[in-house]
Amino acid sequence: MIKGIGIDLVDVESFGKIRDLSRIFTEGEISYCSSKNDDILHFAARFALKEAVYKSLGISEERSPDWREIGTVKTEGDRIEVTLSGDVARIASEMKIQRIEASISHIKDMAVAVAVSIC
């Protein structure tokens, strides 16, 4: 059963002004995105997914999220797997969320992501 859906759109140019990526991304995400020629596009898409996950769980951004509690991993077949830790994992567990399905896409100047929280 679908518990929540979230979507987010990120302007790549604006996102590129962020300097401390380690406050937002896991080591694995930084390693993956940094290996790409258009790394900021990949970072922006993963940030959009983190935002979409928060929205799908109904978590307000006013609570100063720790973005690293939502991890993204590219798996076989170009799928994106979402991993949760810390407070976000606790909230998802309390909501009886079994998994989060996700999709990201990007073009030259925009990145978009959708997340679906499933019980």
Protein backbone atom coordinates (compact mmCIF):
# COMPACT_ATOMS: atom_id res chain seq x y z
CA MET A 1 0.00 0.00 0.00
CA ILE A 2 1.30 3.47 -0.88
CA LYS A 3 1.75 5.60 2.22
CA GLY A 4 3.19 8.72 0.58
CA ILE A 5 4.56 10.21 -2.62
CA GLY A 6 7.15 12.94 -2.90
CA ILE A 7 8.64 14.79 -5.84
CA ASP A 8 11.33 17.44 -6.09
CA LEU A 9 12.93 19.52 -8.83
CA VAL A 10 16.41 21.04 -8.47
CA ASP A 11 18.00 23.81 -10.51
CA VAL A 12 21.49 22.44 -11.20
CA GLU A 13 23.16 25.85 -11.49
CA SER A 14 21.85 27.00 -8.11
CA PHE A 15 22.74 23.69 -6.51
CA GLY A 16 26.29 24.00 -7.85
CA LYS A 17 26.91 26.88 -5.44
CA ILE A 18 26.89 24.50 -2.46
CA ARG A 19 30.43 23.98 -1.20
CA ASP A 20 30.29 21.47 1.66
CA LEU A 21 28.85 18.38 0.01
CA SER A 22 29.87 16.18 2.96
CA ARG A 23 27.04 17.74 5.02
CA ILE A 24 24.50 16.43 2.49
CA PHE A 25 25.89 13.26 0.93
CA THR A 26 27.23 9.95 2.17
CA GLU A 27 30.77 8.89 1.30
CA GLY A 28 29.38 6.45 -1.25
CA GLU A 29 27.30 9.17 -2.94
CA ILE A 30 30.29 11.53 -3.05
CA SER A 31 32.48 8.81 -4.54
CA TYR A 32 29.90 7.88 -7.19
CA CYS A 33 28.98 11.42 -8.23
CA SER A 34 32.58 12.66 -8.20
CA SER A 35 33.50 9.93 -10.68
CA LYS A 36 31.20 11.48 -13.30
CA ASN A 37 32.22 14.19 -15.78
CA ASP A 38 29.05 16.14 -14.96
CA ASP A 39 29.28 15.48 -11.22
CA ILE A 40 27.13 18.43 -10.09
CA LEU A 41 24.24 17.11 -12.19
CA HIS A 42 24.44 13.77 -10.38
CA PHE A 43 24.70 15.46 -6.98
CA ALA A 44 21.66 17.62 -7.78
CA ALA A 45 19.61 14.56 -8.80
CA ARG A 46 20.45 12.76 -5.58
CA PHE A 47 19.60 15.85 -3.54
CA ALA A 48 16.24 16.02 -5.32
CA LEU A 49 15.68 12.40 -4.30
CA LYS A 50 16.51 13.12 -0.66
CA GLU A 51 13.94 15.95 -0.71
CA ALA A 52 11.38 13.66 -2.37
CA VAL A 53 11.93 11.00 0.30
CA TYR A 54 11.32 13.54 3.08
CA LYS A 55 8.11 14.58 1.34
CA SER A 56 6.96 10.98 0.85
CA LEU A 57 7.39 10.39 4.58
CA GLY A 58 5.65 13.64 5.51
CA ILE A 59 8.72 14.95 7.32
CA SER A 60 8.89 18.73 7.60
CA GLU A 61 12.16 20.38 6.57
CA GLU A 62 11.74 22.66 9.58
CA ARG A 63 13.24 19.91 11.73
CA SER A 64 16.73 20.55 10.30
CA PRO A 65 17.17 17.27 8.46
CA ASP A 66 20.41 15.34 8.42
CA TRP A 67 20.51 14.71 4.69
CA ARG A 68 23.02 11.87 5.14
CA GLU A 69 20.30 9.80 6.84
CA ILE A 70 18.94 9.19 3.35
CA GLY A 71 21.40 7.33 1.16
CA THR A 72 21.13 6.58 -2.53
CA VAL A 73 22.84 3.73 -4.34
CA LYS A 74 22.73 3.01 -8.05
CA THR A 75 22.09 -0.71 -8.53
CA GLU A 76 22.08 -3.05 -11.51
CA GLY A 77 19.84 -1.96 -14.32
CA ASP A 78 20.28 1.73 -13.40
CA ARG A 79 17.81 1.48 -10.51
CA ILE A 80 18.20 3.72 -7.48
CA GLU A 81 18.01 2.11 -4.06
CA VAL A 82 17.19 4.29 -1.05
CA THR A 83 18.71 3.49 2.34
CA LEU A 84 17.57 5.10 5.58
CA SER A 85 19.36 5.56 8.90
CA GLY A 86 19.00 7.52 12.12
CA ASP A 87 15.83 9.50 12.77
CA VAL A 88 14.56 9.04 9.22
CA ALA A 89 14.76 5.24 9.56
CA ARG A 90 12.96 5.45 12.92
CA ILE A 91 10.17 7.57 11.44
CA ALA A 92 9.80 5.22 8.47
CA SER A 93 9.68 2.23 10.83
CA GLU A 94 6.99 3.87 12.98
CA MET A 95 5.00 4.44 9.78
CA LYS A 96 5.45 0.75 8.88
CA ILE A 97 7.28 1.67 5.66
CA GLN A 98 8.77 -1.46 4.11
CA ARG A 99 10.54 0.16 1.17
CA ILE A 100 10.88 3.34 -0.83
CA GLU A 101 10.71 3.15 -4.60
CA ALA A 102 12.56 5.93 -6.35
CA SER A 103 13.32 7.38 -9.74
CA ILE A 104 15.56 10.25 -10.80
CA SER A 105 16.13 12.02 -14.08
CA HIS A 106 18.21 14.97 -15.19
CA ILE A 107 19.02 17.15 -18.14
CA LYS A 108 21.60 19.91 -18.56
CA ASP A 109 20.13 22.34 -16.04
CA MET A 110 17.44 20.48 -14.07
CA ALA A 111 17.21 17.35 -11.95
CA VAL A 112 13.99 15.71 -10.78
CA ALA A 113 13.21 12.83 -8.46
CA VAL A 114 10.16 11.00 -7.19
CA ALA A 115 9.90 8.76 -4.13
CA VAL A 116 7.05 6.46 -3.14
CA SER A 117 6.88 5.16 0.44
CA ILE A 118 5.28 1.72 0.54
CA CYS A 119 3.87 -0.20 3.53
